Amino acid sequence: MTRVIARRFNDRYGQVFPEPQALLTSSPEVPELDGRKTSKSYGNAITLSMTADDTAAAIRKAPTDSQRRITFDPINRPGVSALLTTAALCSGRDENDLADQIGDAGAGALKKLTTTLGNDFLAPHRQRRNDLAQDPHHVADVLRIGNQRANEIAQQTLEEVRTAMGTIY
């Protein structure tokens, strides 16, 4: 949507906005624990505010299926594939490699591996979050400074837009 708006504005008033480009990673879409979209009401997300035990409990509740062999198949096995994707993102490994590693060990082994990899990956981020929570004045200062910088950039952009549109009086 932003790209369309930038193109239309630039076509009409001249080059003002850079055209946004997609930034895709190896995982442009991350399914949540149950393979559905993220939603507070679904309770299917792992958050930084969770403890390691909370994360383990959430992963234990994630739906899988009755097949013993673990395979990566997002269409036919969304729950298993969502757990494999989570483990892969946390470890930097491929989903199919992780599935082969687990093999016939079943969903319990998959959930245990995902819990370990997820908690290991999130530990430093959670520590940083806890450190920041201990100093709310620092957080408020960072937000205030960021807000000032964003307002300066927005004002400069608005001046460029008004000049391009000829609405400076």
N, C-alpha and C. Protein backbone atom coordinates (compact mmCIF):
# COMPACT_ATOMS: atom_id res chain seq x y z
N MET A 1 0.83 -1.18 0.00
CA MET A 1 0.00 0.00 0.00
C MET A 1 0.88 1.26 0.00
N THR A 2 1.94 1.24 0.80
CA THR A 2 2.83 2.40 0.86
C THR A 2 3.49 2.65 -0.48
N ARG A 3 3.85 1.58 -1.17
CA ARG A 3 4.48 1.71 -2.48
C ARG A 3 3.51 2.35 -3.48
N VAL A 4 2.26 1.97 -3.45
CA VAL A 4 1.25 2.52 -4.35
C VAL A 4 1.08 4.02 -4.08
N ILE A 5 1.00 4.38 -2.82
CA ILE A 5 0.83 5.80 -2.45
C ILE A 5 2.03 6.61 -2.91
N ALA A 6 3.24 6.09 -2.66
CA ALA A 6 4.45 6.81 -3.07
C ALA A 6 4.50 6.97 -4.58
N ARG A 7 4.17 5.93 -5.33
CA ARG A 7 4.17 6.02 -6.80
C ARG A 7 3.18 7.07 -7.29
N ARG A 8 1.97 7.02 -6.76
CA ARG A 8 0.94 7.97 -7.21
C ARG A 8 1.32 9.41 -6.88
N PHE A 9 1.81 9.63 -5.69
CA PHE A 9 2.22 10.98 -5.32
C PHE A 9 3.36 11.45 -6.20
N ASN A 10 4.38 10.61 -6.37
CA ASN A 10 5.55 10.97 -7.18
C ASN A 10 5.17 11.21 -8.64
N ASP A 11 4.25 10.42 -9.17
CA ASP A 11 3.80 10.62 -10.56
C ASP A 11 3.10 11.97 -10.73
N ARG A 12 2.36 12.36 -9.72
CA ARG A 12 1.58 13.60 -9.82
C ARG A 12 2.40 14.84 -9.47
N TYR A 13 3.26 14.77 -8.44
CA TYR A 13 3.92 15.97 -7.94
C TYR A 13 5.44 15.98 -8.08
N GLY A 14 6.01 14.94 -8.59
CA GLY A 14 7.47 14.87 -8.70
C GLY A 14 8.05 13.96 -7.63
N GLN A 15 9.30 13.63 -7.81
CA GLN A 15 9.96 12.67 -6.92
C GLN A 15 10.16 13.27 -5.52
N VAL A 16 9.33 12.83 -4.59
CA VAL A 16 9.43 13.26 -3.19
C VAL A 16 9.70 12.06 -2.30
N PHE A 17 8.93 10.99 -2.49
CA PHE A 17 9.04 9.81 -1.62
C PHE A 17 9.87 8.72 -2.30
N PRO A 18 10.79 8.12 -1.56
CA PRO A 18 11.46 6.93 -2.11
C PRO A 18 10.46 5.78 -2.16
N GLU A 19 10.56 4.97 -3.20
CA GLU A 19 9.62 3.85 -3.33
C GLU A 19 10.08 2.71 -2.43
N PRO A 20 9.24 2.30 -1.49
CA PRO A 20 9.63 1.21 -0.58
C PRO A 20 9.83 -0.10 -1.34
N GLN A 21 10.81 -0.86 -0.90
CA GLN A 21 11.09 -2.17 -1.48
C GLN A 21 10.87 -3.22 -0.39
N ALA A 22 10.43 -4.39 -0.84
CA ALA A 22 10.20 -5.48 0.11
C ALA A 22 11.53 -5.93 0.71
N LEU A 23 11.50 -6.24 1.97
CA LEU A 23 12.67 -6.76 2.66
C LEU A 23 12.29 -8.14 3.17
N LEU A 24 12.68 -9.15 2.43
CA LEU A 24 12.30 -10.51 2.77
C LEU A 24 13.48 -11.24 3.40
N THR A 25 13.18 -11.95 4.44
CA THR A 25 14.19 -12.78 5.09
C THR A 25 13.96 -14.23 4.66
N SER A 26 14.70 -15.12 5.24
CA SER A 26 14.51 -16.53 4.92
C SER A 26 13.15 -17.02 5.39
N SER A 27 12.53 -16.30 6.31
CA SER A 27 11.19 -16.65 6.80
C SER A 27 10.30 -15.41 6.75
N PRO A 28 9.74 -15.11 5.57
CA PRO A 28 8.90 -13.91 5.48
C PRO A 28 7.63 -14.01 6.31
N GLU A 29 7.20 -15.20 6.63
CA GLU A 29 6.02 -15.39 7.47
C GLU A 29 6.35 -16.42 8.54
N VAL A 30 6.10 -16.06 9.78
CA VAL A 30 6.38 -16.96 10.89
C VAL A 30 5.06 -17.42 11.48
N PRO A 31 4.73 -18.70 11.33
CA PRO A 31 3.49 -19.18 11.93
C PRO A 31 3.64 -19.26 13.44
N GLU A 32 2.55 -19.10 14.13
CA GLU A 32 2.60 -19.23 15.57
C GLU A 32 2.54 -20.71 15.95
N LEU A 33 2.51 -20.98 17.22
CA LEU A 33 2.63 -22.35 17.71
C LEU A 33 1.59 -23.30 17.15
N ASP A 34 0.42 -22.78 16.81
CA ASP A 34 -0.62 -23.66 16.30
C ASP A 34 -0.78 -23.56 14.78
N GLY A 35 0.11 -22.82 14.12
CA GLY A 35 0.05 -22.70 12.67
C GLY A 35 -0.88 -21.61 12.18
N ARG A 36 -1.63 -20.97 13.09
CA ARG A 36 -2.54 -19.89 12.70
C ARG A 36 -1.82 -18.56 12.83
N LYS A 37 -2.54 -17.48 12.50
CA LYS A 37 -1.98 -16.15 12.68
C LYS A 37 -1.88 -15.83 14.17
N THR A 38 -1.05 -14.87 14.48
CA THR A 38 -0.86 -14.46 15.86
C THR A 38 -2.09 -13.70 16.35
N SER A 39 -2.51 -14.01 17.55
CA SER A 39 -3.64 -13.30 18.14
C SER A 39 -3.59 -13.47 19.65
N LYS A 40 -3.81 -12.37 20.37
CA LYS A 40 -3.86 -12.46 21.82
C LYS A 40 -4.95 -13.43 22.26
N SER A 41 -6.08 -13.37 21.57
CA SER A 41 -7.19 -14.22 21.98
C SER A 41 -6.89 -15.70 21.72
N TYR A 42 -6.05 -15.99 20.74
CA TYR A 42 -5.68 -17.38 20.49
C TYR A 42 -4.68 -17.88 21.53
N GLY A 43 -3.90 -16.97 22.09
CA GLY A 43 -2.89 -17.37 23.06
C GLY A 43 -1.84 -18.27 22.43
N ASN A 44 -1.44 -17.96 21.20
CA ASN A 44 -0.55 -18.85 20.47
C ASN A 44 0.83 -18.26 20.19
N ALA A 45 1.20 -17.25 20.91
CA ALA A 45 2.47 -16.58 20.66
C ALA A 45 3.44 -16.80 21.83
N ILE A 46 4.71 -16.72 21.52
CA ILE A 46 5.75 -16.72 22.54
C ILE A 46 6.22 -15.27 22.64
N THR A 47 6.16 -14.71 23.83
CA THR A 47 6.52 -13.31 24.00
C THR A 47 7.76 -13.16 24.86
N LEU A 48 8.38 -11.99 24.78
CA LEU A 48 9.56 -11.72 25.60
C LEU A 48 9.21 -11.64 27.08
N SER A 49 7.97 -11.35 27.39
CA SER A 49 7.58 -11.26 28.80
C SER A 49 7.38 -12.63 29.44
N MET A 50 7.37 -13.68 28.65
CA MET A 50 7.21 -15.04 29.19
C MET A 50 8.50 -15.50 29.86
N THR A 51 8.35 -16.30 30.87
CA THR A 51 9.52 -16.96 31.46
C THR A 51 9.82 -18.21 30.64
N ALA A 52 10.95 -18.83 30.94
CA ALA A 52 11.30 -20.08 30.25
C ALA A 52 10.24 -21.15 30.51
N ASP A 53 9.71 -21.19 31.72
CA ASP A 53 8.65 -22.16 32.04
C ASP A 53 7.36 -21.86 31.30
N ASP A 54 7.03 -20.57 31.16
CA ASP A 54 5.84 -20.19 30.39
C ASP A 54 5.98 -20.61 28.93
N THR A 55 7.17 -20.42 28.39
CA THR A 55 7.43 -20.82 27.02
C THR A 55 7.29 -22.32 26.86
N ALA A 56 7.83 -23.07 27.80
CA ALA A 56 7.72 -24.53 27.74
C ALA A 56 6.26 -24.95 27.80
N ALA A 57 5.49 -24.32 28.65
CA ALA A 57 4.07 -24.67 28.77
C ALA A 57 3.32 -24.35 27.48
N ALA A 58 3.63 -23.21 26.87
CA ALA A 58 2.96 -22.84 25.61
C ALA A 58 3.30 -23.83 24.50
N ILE A 59 4.55 -24.25 24.45
CA ILE A 59 4.97 -25.20 23.42
C ILE A 59 4.34 -26.56 23.68
N ARG A 60 4.24 -26.96 24.93
CA ARG A 60 3.61 -28.25 25.25
C ARG A 60 2.15 -28.28 24.80
N LYS A 61 1.46 -27.12 24.87
CA LYS A 61 0.06 -27.05 24.47
C LYS A 61 -0.13 -26.98 22.96
N ALA A 62 0.94 -26.74 22.22
CA ALA A 62 0.82 -26.59 20.77
C ALA A 62 0.29 -27.88 20.14
N PRO A 63 -0.68 -27.76 19.24
CA PRO A 63 -1.26 -28.96 18.63
C PRO A 63 -0.30 -29.60 17.63
N THR A 64 -0.29 -30.92 17.62
CA THR A 64 0.47 -31.66 16.62
C THR A 64 -0.49 -32.68 16.02
N ASP A 65 0.00 -33.81 15.60
CA ASP A 65 -0.88 -34.84 15.06
C ASP A 65 -0.40 -36.20 15.56
N SER A 66 -1.04 -37.25 15.12
CA SER A 66 -0.75 -38.58 15.65
C SER A 66 0.37 -39.30 14.91
N GLN A 67 0.89 -38.72 13.85
CA GLN A 67 1.97 -39.38 13.12
C GLN A 67 3.26 -39.34 13.94
N ARG A 68 3.90 -40.45 14.03
CA ARG A 68 5.11 -40.56 14.84
C ARG A 68 6.31 -39.89 14.16
N ARG A 69 6.44 -40.10 12.87
CA ARG A 69 7.58 -39.54 12.12
C ARG A 69 7.37 -38.03 11.94
N ILE A 70 8.37 -37.26 12.28
CA ILE A 70 8.31 -35.81 12.16
C ILE A 70 8.77 -35.41 10.76
N THR A 71 7.90 -34.68 10.06
CA THR A 71 8.23 -34.17 8.73
C THR A 71 7.77 -32.72 8.63
N PHE A 72 8.43 -31.98 7.76
CA PHE A 72 8.04 -30.58 7.53
C PHE A 72 7.10 -30.53 6.34
N ASP A 73 5.82 -30.28 6.62
CA ASP A 73 4.78 -30.21 5.59
C ASP A 73 3.75 -29.19 6.05
N PRO A 74 3.98 -27.89 5.74
CA PRO A 74 3.09 -26.83 6.24
C PRO A 74 1.62 -26.98 5.84
N ILE A 75 1.35 -27.61 4.71
CA ILE A 75 -0.03 -27.74 4.27
C ILE A 75 -0.76 -28.83 5.05
N ASN A 76 -0.17 -30.01 5.13
CA ASN A 76 -0.85 -31.15 5.75
C ASN A 76 -0.56 -31.31 7.24
N ARG A 77 0.52 -30.68 7.71
CA ARG A 77 0.89 -30.81 9.13
C ARG A 77 1.25 -29.43 9.68
N PRO A 78 0.28 -28.51 9.76
CA PRO A 78 0.59 -27.14 10.17
C PRO A 78 1.16 -27.02 11.58
N GLY A 79 0.65 -27.78 12.52
CA GLY A 79 1.15 -27.69 13.90
C GLY A 79 2.59 -28.15 14.01
N VAL A 80 2.90 -29.29 13.45
CA VAL A 80 4.27 -29.81 13.47
C VAL A 80 5.19 -28.87 12.72
N SER A 81 4.74 -28.39 11.57
CA SER A 81 5.57 -27.49 10.76
C SER A 81 5.82 -26.16 11.46
N ALA A 82 4.81 -25.65 12.19
CA ALA A 82 5.00 -24.40 12.93
C ALA A 82 6.07 -24.58 14.00
N LEU A 83 6.06 -25.70 14.69
CA LEU A 83 7.09 -25.96 15.71
C LEU A 83 8.46 -26.11 15.06
N LEU A 84 8.53 -26.77 13.92
CA LEU A 84 9.80 -26.90 13.20
C LEU A 84 10.32 -25.55 12.73
N THR A 85 9.42 -24.70 12.24
CA THR A 85 9.83 -23.36 11.81
C THR A 85 10.36 -22.55 12.98
N THR A 86 9.69 -22.64 14.12
CA THR A 86 10.16 -21.93 15.31
C THR A 86 11.54 -22.42 15.72
N ALA A 87 11.73 -23.72 15.75
CA ALA A 87 13.03 -24.29 16.11
C ALA A 87 14.10 -23.88 15.10
N ALA A 88 13.74 -23.88 13.81
CA ALA A 88 14.70 -23.52 12.77
C ALA A 88 15.12 -22.05 12.90
N LEU A 89 14.16 -21.17 13.14
CA LEU A 89 14.50 -19.76 13.30
C LEU A 89 15.39 -19.51 14.51
N CYS A 90 15.16 -20.26 15.55
CA CYS A 90 15.94 -20.07 16.78
C CYS A 90 17.34 -20.68 16.68
N SER A 91 17.52 -21.62 15.77
CA SER A 91 18.81 -22.31 15.68
C SER A 91 19.59 -21.98 14.42
N GLY A 92 18.94 -21.37 13.44
CA GLY A 92 19.61 -21.08 12.18
C GLY A 92 19.73 -22.31 11.28
N ARG A 93 19.00 -23.34 11.60
CA ARG A 93 19.04 -24.57 10.81
C ARG A 93 17.80 -24.68 9.94
N ASP A 94 17.79 -25.63 9.04
CA ASP A 94 16.68 -25.85 8.13
C ASP A 94 15.63 -26.75 8.78
N GLU A 95 14.37 -26.48 8.49
CA GLU A 95 13.27 -27.26 9.07
C GLU A 95 13.38 -28.74 8.73
N ASN A 96 13.73 -29.05 7.48
CA ASN A 96 13.84 -30.45 7.07
C ASN A 96 14.99 -31.16 7.79
N ASP A 97 16.09 -30.44 8.03
CA ASP A 97 17.20 -31.04 8.78
C ASP A 97 16.78 -31.37 10.21
N LEU A 98 16.06 -30.45 10.82
CA LEU A 98 15.58 -30.69 12.19
C LEU A 98 14.60 -31.86 12.22
N ALA A 99 13.72 -31.93 11.21
CA ALA A 99 12.77 -33.04 11.14
C ALA A 99 13.52 -34.36 11.00
N ASP A 100 14.55 -34.38 10.17
CA ASP A 100 15.34 -35.60 10.01
C ASP A 100 16.05 -35.97 11.30
N GLN A 101 16.54 -34.96 12.03
CA GLN A 101 17.22 -35.21 13.31
C GLN A 101 16.27 -35.88 14.29
N ILE A 102 15.03 -35.40 14.36
CA ILE A 102 14.05 -35.96 15.30
C ILE A 102 13.55 -37.31 14.81
N GLY A 103 13.31 -37.41 13.51
CA GLY A 103 12.89 -38.67 12.91
C GLY A 103 11.64 -39.25 13.53
N ASP A 104 11.76 -40.48 14.06
CA ASP A 104 10.61 -41.20 14.63
C ASP A 104 10.44 -40.97 16.13
N ALA A 105 11.14 -39.98 16.68
CA ALA A 105 11.05 -39.73 18.12
C ALA A 105 9.72 -39.11 18.52
N GLY A 106 8.99 -38.55 17.56
CA GLY A 106 7.64 -38.07 17.83
C GLY A 106 7.55 -36.62 18.26
N ALA A 107 6.30 -36.19 18.49
CA ALA A 107 6.00 -34.81 18.83
C ALA A 107 6.60 -34.38 20.16
N GLY A 108 6.72 -35.30 21.09
CA GLY A 108 7.32 -34.96 22.38
C GLY A 108 8.76 -34.49 22.21
N ALA A 109 9.51 -35.20 21.40
CA ALA A 109 10.90 -34.81 21.14
C ALA A 109 10.97 -33.48 20.39
N LEU A 110 10.02 -33.27 19.46
CA LEU A 110 9.96 -32.01 18.73
C LEU A 110 9.69 -30.85 19.68
N LYS A 111 8.75 -31.02 20.57
CA LYS A 111 8.41 -29.96 21.52
C LYS A 111 9.55 -29.68 22.49
N LYS A 112 10.24 -30.74 22.91
CA LYS A 112 11.39 -30.56 23.81
C LYS A 112 12.50 -29.79 23.10
N LEU A 113 12.79 -30.15 21.84
CA LEU A 113 13.83 -29.46 21.07
C LEU A 113 13.44 -28.00 20.83
N THR A 114 12.19 -27.76 20.47
CA THR A 114 11.73 -26.39 20.22
C THR A 114 11.81 -25.55 21.48
N THR A 115 11.45 -26.14 22.60
CA THR A 115 11.53 -25.43 23.88
C THR A 115 12.98 -25.05 24.20
N THR A 116 13.88 -25.98 24.06
CA THR A 116 15.30 -25.73 24.36
C THR A 116 15.86 -24.65 23.44
N LEU A 117 15.64 -24.81 22.13
CA LEU A 117 16.17 -23.84 21.18
C LEU A 117 15.53 -22.47 21.37
N GLY A 118 14.22 -22.44 21.59
CA GLY A 118 13.53 -21.16 21.79
C GLY A 118 14.00 -20.43 23.02
N ASN A 119 14.09 -21.14 24.13
CA ASN A 119 14.54 -20.49 25.37
C ASN A 119 16.00 -20.06 25.28
N ASP A 120 16.84 -20.85 24.65
CA ASP A 120 18.24 -20.45 24.48
C ASP A 120 18.34 -19.18 23.63
N PHE A 121 17.55 -19.13 22.57
CA PHE A 121 17.56 -17.98 21.67
C PHE A 121 17.03 -16.72 22.37
N LEU A 122 15.97 -16.87 23.14
CA LEU A 122 15.32 -15.71 23.76
C LEU A 122 15.97 -15.25 25.06
N ALA A 123 16.82 -16.07 25.65
CA ALA A 123 17.40 -15.72 26.96
C ALA A 123 18.07 -14.34 26.98
N PRO A 124 18.99 -14.03 26.05
CA PRO A 124 19.61 -12.70 26.12
C PRO A 124 18.62 -11.56 25.86
N HIS A 125 17.63 -11.78 25.02
CA HIS A 125 16.63 -10.75 24.74
C HIS A 125 15.75 -10.52 25.97
N ARG A 126 15.41 -11.58 26.64
CA ARG A 126 14.60 -11.45 27.86
C ARG A 126 15.40 -10.77 28.96
N GLN A 127 16.68 -11.07 29.04
CA GLN A 127 17.53 -10.42 30.04
C GLN A 127 17.60 -8.92 29.78
N ARG A 128 17.76 -8.55 28.50
CA ARG A 128 17.82 -7.13 28.13
C ARG A 128 16.50 -6.44 28.47
N ARG A 129 15.39 -7.12 28.20
CA ARG A 129 14.07 -6.57 28.53
C ARG A 129 13.94 -6.35 30.03
N ASN A 130 14.37 -7.32 30.81
CA ASN A 130 14.30 -7.18 32.27
C ASN A 130 15.19 -6.05 32.76
N ASP A 131 16.38 -5.91 32.17
CA ASP A 131 17.28 -4.82 32.55
C ASP A 131 16.63 -3.47 32.28
N LEU A 132 16.00 -3.34 31.10
CA LEU A 132 15.34 -2.08 30.76
C LEU A 132 14.15 -1.81 31.67
N ALA A 133 13.45 -2.84 32.05
CA ALA A 133 12.29 -2.67 32.95
C ALA A 133 12.73 -2.15 34.32
N GLN A 134 13.96 -2.38 34.70
CA GLN A 134 14.46 -1.92 35.99
C GLN A 134 14.79 -0.43 35.99
N ASP A 135 14.89 0.17 34.78
CA ASP A 135 15.23 1.59 34.68
C ASP A 135 14.20 2.31 33.80
N PRO A 136 13.01 2.54 34.31
CA PRO A 136 11.96 3.16 33.49
C PRO A 136 12.30 4.58 33.04
N HIS A 137 13.15 5.30 33.80
CA HIS A 137 13.52 6.66 33.41
C HIS A 137 14.36 6.62 32.13
N HIS A 138 15.24 5.65 32.02
CA HIS A 138 16.05 5.51 30.81
C HIS A 138 15.15 5.21 29.61
N VAL A 139 14.19 4.34 29.78
CA VAL A 139 13.26 3.99 28.70
C VAL A 139 12.48 5.22 28.28
N ALA A 140 12.01 6.00 29.26
CA ALA A 140 11.25 7.21 28.94
C ALA A 140 12.12 8.21 28.18
N ASP A 141 13.39 8.34 28.58
CA ASP A 141 14.31 9.24 27.87
C ASP A 141 14.53 8.80 26.43
N VAL A 142 14.74 7.52 26.23
CA VAL A 142 14.95 7.00 24.88
C VAL A 142 13.72 7.26 24.02
N LEU A 143 12.54 7.03 24.58
CA LEU A 143 11.30 7.27 23.84
C LEU A 143 11.12 8.76 23.51
N ARG A 144 11.45 9.61 24.46
CA ARG A 144 11.32 11.06 24.25
C ARG A 144 12.26 11.52 23.14
N ILE A 145 13.51 11.08 23.18
CA ILE A 145 14.49 11.46 22.16
C ILE A 145 14.08 10.92 20.79
N GLY A 146 13.62 9.70 20.75
CA GLY A 146 13.15 9.11 19.49
C GLY A 146 11.96 9.86 18.93
N ASN A 147 11.05 10.27 19.81
CA ASN A 147 9.88 11.04 19.39
C ASN A 147 10.30 12.38 18.80
N GLN A 148 11.27 13.05 19.43
CA GLN A 148 11.76 14.33 18.91
C GLN A 148 12.38 14.16 17.53
N ARG A 149 13.19 13.13 17.36
CA ARG A 149 13.83 12.88 16.07
C ARG A 149 12.79 12.57 15.00
N ALA A 150 11.79 11.76 15.35
CA ALA A 150 10.74 11.42 14.39
C ALA A 150 9.94 12.66 13.99
N ASN A 151 9.66 13.54 14.94
CA ASN A 151 8.93 14.77 14.63
C ASN A 151 9.73 15.68 13.71
N GLU A 152 11.04 15.78 13.92
CA GLU A 152 11.89 16.60 13.05
C GLU A 152 11.86 16.06 11.62
N ILE A 153 11.98 14.76 11.47
CA ILE A 153 11.96 14.15 10.14
C ILE A 153 10.59 14.34 9.50
N ALA A 154 9.52 14.17 10.28
CA ALA A 154 8.16 14.34 9.76
C ALA A 154 7.94 15.77 9.29
N GLN A 155 8.41 16.76 10.04
CA GLN A 155 8.25 18.16 9.65
C GLN A 155 8.99 18.44 8.35
N GLN A 156 10.19 17.92 8.23
CA GLN A 156 10.97 18.10 7.00
C GLN A 156 10.25 17.47 5.81
N THR A 157 9.71 16.27 6.00
CA THR A 157 8.97 15.59 4.94
C THR A 157 7.72 16.37 4.56
N LEU A 158 7.00 16.87 5.55
CA LEU A 158 5.80 17.68 5.27
C LEU A 158 6.15 18.94 4.48
N GLU A 159 7.28 19.57 4.78
CA GLU A 159 7.70 20.74 4.01
C GLU A 159 7.97 20.36 2.56
N GLU A 160 8.61 19.22 2.34
CA GLU A 160 8.87 18.75 0.97
C GLU A 160 7.57 18.48 0.25
N VAL A 161 6.60 17.88 0.93
CA VAL A 161 5.31 17.56 0.33
C VAL A 161 4.57 18.84 -0.01
N ARG A 162 4.53 19.79 0.91
CA ARG A 162 3.84 21.06 0.66
C ARG A 162 4.47 21.82 -0.49
N THR A 163 5.80 21.80 -0.56
CA THR A 163 6.49 22.48 -1.68
C THR A 163 6.15 21.80 -2.99
N ALA A 164 6.19 20.49 -3.04
CA ALA A 164 5.88 19.75 -4.26
C ALA A 164 4.44 20.00 -4.70
N MET A 165 3.53 20.11 -3.75
CA MET A 165 2.11 20.31 -4.08
C MET A 165 1.77 21.79 -4.30
N GLY A 166 2.72 22.68 -3.99
CA GLY A 166 2.46 24.11 -4.15
C GLY A 166 1.49 24.65 -3.14
N THR A 167 1.52 24.14 -1.94
CA THR A 167 0.59 24.59 -0.91
C THR A 167 1.27 25.38 0.19
N ILE A 168 2.43 25.97 -0.10
CA ILE A 168 3.08 26.83 0.89
C ILE A 168 2.62 28.25 0.65
N TYR A 169 2.06 28.85 1.67
CA TYR A 169 1.50 30.19 1.51
C TYR A 169 2.31 31.19 2.30
